C-alpha atoms as a PDB file:
ATOM      1  CA  MET A   1     -57.543-223.202  98.023  1.00  0.00           C
ATOM      2  CA  VAL A   2     -59.952-220.707  99.558  1.00  0.00           C
ATOM      3  CA  LEU A   3     -59.888-219.802 103.246  1.00  0.00           C
ATOM      4  CA  VAL A   4     -63.198-218.595 104.679  1.00  0.00           C
ATOM      5  CA  ARG A   5     -63.395-217.302 108.229  1.00  0.00           C
ATOM      6  CA  ALA A   6     -65.493-215.043 110.422  1.00  0.00           C
ATOM      7  CA  THR A   7     -64.550-211.389 110.151  1.00  0.00           C
ATOM      8  CA  THR A   8     -62.749-209.565 112.942  1.00  0.00           C
ATOM      9  CA  MET A   9     -62.330-205.887 113.712  1.00  0.00           C
ATOM     10  CA  SER A  10     -59.098-205.807 111.705  1.00  0.00           C
ATOM     11  CA  ASP A  11     -61.052-206.826 108.565  1.00  0.00           C
ATOM     12  CA  TRP A  12     -63.274-203.740 108.486  1.00  0.00           C
ATOM     13  CA  GLN A  13     -61.442-201.985 105.635  1.00  0.00           C
ATOM     14  CA  ALA A  14     -61.391-205.099 103.452  1.00  0.00           C
ATOM     15  CA  LEU A  15     -65.065-205.690 104.246  1.00  0.00           C
ATOM     16  CA  ARG A  16     -65.869-202.111 103.222  1.00  0.00           C
ATOM     17  CA  GLU A  17     -63.841-202.312 100.013  1.00  0.00           C
ATOM     18  CA  ILE A  18     -65.347-205.620  98.889  1.00  0.00           C
ATOM     19  CA  ARG A  19     -68.914-204.644  99.832  1.00  0.00           C
ATOM     20  CA  LEU A  20     -68.747-201.306  98.017  1.00  0.00           C
ATOM     21  CA  HIS A  21     -67.260-202.964  94.933  1.00  0.00           C
ATOM     22  CA  ALA A  22     -70.043-205.565  94.967  1.00  0.00           C
ATOM     23  CA  LEU A  23     -72.715-202.855  95.277  1.00  0.00           C
ATOM     24  CA  GLN A  24     -71.303-201.137  92.186  1.00  0.00           C
ATOM     25  CA  ASP A  25     -70.825-204.366  90.248  1.00  0.00           C
ATOM     26  CA  ALA A  26     -74.245-205.925  90.889  1.00  0.00           C
ATOM     27  CA  PRO A  27     -76.553-203.331  92.471  1.00  0.00           C
ATOM     28  CA  ASP A  28     -79.699-205.407  91.874  1.00  0.00           C
ATOM     29  CA  ALA A  29     -78.333-208.212  94.058  1.00  0.00           C
ATOM     30  CA  PHE A  30     -78.548-206.125  97.232  1.00  0.00           C
ATOM     31  CA  ALA A  31     -81.214-204.496  99.369  1.00  0.00           C
ATOM     32  CA  SER A  32     -78.990-201.441  99.779  1.00  0.00           C
ATOM     33  CA  THR A  33     -77.178-198.990  97.504  1.00  0.00           C
ATOM     34  CA  TYR A  34     -73.597-197.945  96.917  1.00  0.00           C
ATOM     35  CA  ALA A  35     -74.420-194.324  97.809  1.00  0.00           C
ATOM     36  CA  ARG A  36     -75.990-195.319 101.130  1.00  0.00           C
ATOM     37  CA  GLU A  37     -73.147-197.584 102.248  1.00  0.00           C
ATOM     38  CA  ALA A  38     -70.332-195.396 100.901  1.00  0.00           C
ATOM     39  CA  ALA A  39     -71.575-192.752 103.347  1.00  0.00           C
ATOM     40  CA  PHE A  40     -71.156-195.069 106.366  1.00  0.00           C
ATOM     41  CA  GLY A  41     -68.494-194.012 108.838  1.00  0.00           C
ATOM     42  CA  ALA A  42     -65.805-196.241 110.281  1.00  0.00           C
ATOM     43  CA  ASP A  43     -67.985-197.030 113.318  1.00  0.00           C
ATOM     44  CA  GLU A  44     -70.608-198.727 111.140  1.00  0.00           C
ATOM     45  CA  TRP A  45     -67.980-200.786 109.313  1.00  0.00           C
ATOM     46  CA  HIS A  46     -66.444-201.779 112.665  1.00  0.00           C
ATOM     47  CA  ARG A  47     -69.886-202.938 113.855  1.00  0.00           C
ATOM     48  CA  ARG A  48     -70.436-204.941 110.684  1.00  0.00           C
ATOM     49  CA  ALA A  49     -67.007-206.568 110.910  1.00  0.00           C
ATOM     50  CA  ILE A  50     -67.617-207.966 114.392  1.00  0.00           C
ATOM     51  CA  ARG A  51     -71.279-208.969 114.093  1.00  0.00           C
ATOM     52  CA  ASP A  52     -72.181-212.640 114.057  1.00  0.00           C
ATOM     53  CA  GLY A  53     -72.578-214.129 110.600  1.00  0.00           C
ATOM     54  CA  SER A  54     -70.060-211.997 108.644  1.00  0.00           C
ATOM     55  CA  PHE A  55     -67.421-213.947 106.752  1.00  0.00           C
ATOM     56  CA  ILE A  56     -64.494-213.078 104.519  1.00  0.00           C
ATOM     57  CA  ALA A  57     -62.811-215.274 101.903  1.00  0.00           C
ATOM     58  CA  PHE A  58     -59.117-215.251 101.061  1.00  0.00           C
ATOM     59  CA  LEU A  59     -57.296-216.692  98.054  1.00  0.00           C
ATOM     60  CA  PRO A  60     -53.533-217.278  98.188  1.00  0.00           C
ATOM     61  CA  GLU A  61     -52.900-214.909  95.275  1.00  0.00           C
ATOM     62  CA  VAL A  62     -55.729-212.426  95.992  1.00  0.00           C
ATOM     63  CA  SER A  63     -56.310-211.500  99.619  1.00  0.00           C
ATOM     64  CA  PRO A  64     -59.090-210.814 100.493  1.00  0.00           C
ATOM     65  CA  ALA A  65     -61.301-212.064  97.679  1.00  0.00           C
ATOM     66  CA  GLY A  66     -64.925-212.028  98.828  1.00  0.00           C
ATOM     67  CA  LEU A  67     -67.396-211.835 101.657  1.00  0.00           C
ATOM     68  CA  GLY A  68     -70.586-213.417 102.860  1.00  0.00           C
ATOM     69  CA  VAL A  69     -73.197-213.132 105.547  1.00  0.00           C
ATOM     70  CA  GLY A  70     -75.133-215.990 107.042  1.00  0.00           C
ATOM     71  CA  THR A  71     -78.020-216.180 109.436  1.00  0.00           C
ATOM     72  CA  TRP A  72     -79.688-218.992 111.273  1.00  0.00           C
ATOM     73  CA  ARG A  73     -83.373-219.118 111.994  1.00  0.00           C
ATOM     74  CA  ARG A  74     -85.110-221.788 113.979  1.00  0.00           C
ATOM     75  CA  ARG A  75     -87.763-223.445 111.885  1.00  0.00           C
ATOM     76  CA  ARG A  76     -91.126-223.926 113.512  1.00  0.00           C
ATOM     77  CA  LEU A  77     -92.349-227.469 113.384  1.00  0.00           C
ATOM     78  CA  SER A  78     -96.012-227.871 112.635  1.00  0.00           C
ATOM     79  CA  SER A  79     -97.992-229.964 115.113  1.00  0.00           C
END
């Protein structure tokens, strides 16, 4: 079973570790680079951990296991 929940301030180190690993593993999947984000200070990771739309996934045997970001945009209806 996988548990997915919104990130909190206490998740910032896990968020950093997973994100940096993902940037190294699949650099073409991101609009950023490992070098850029590895240089971020703790304040930036704190901000990212508490922003709306950041999620972290946990597996019973591997905690934490992944992350995700979601956004919501209102779709304009054509008249």
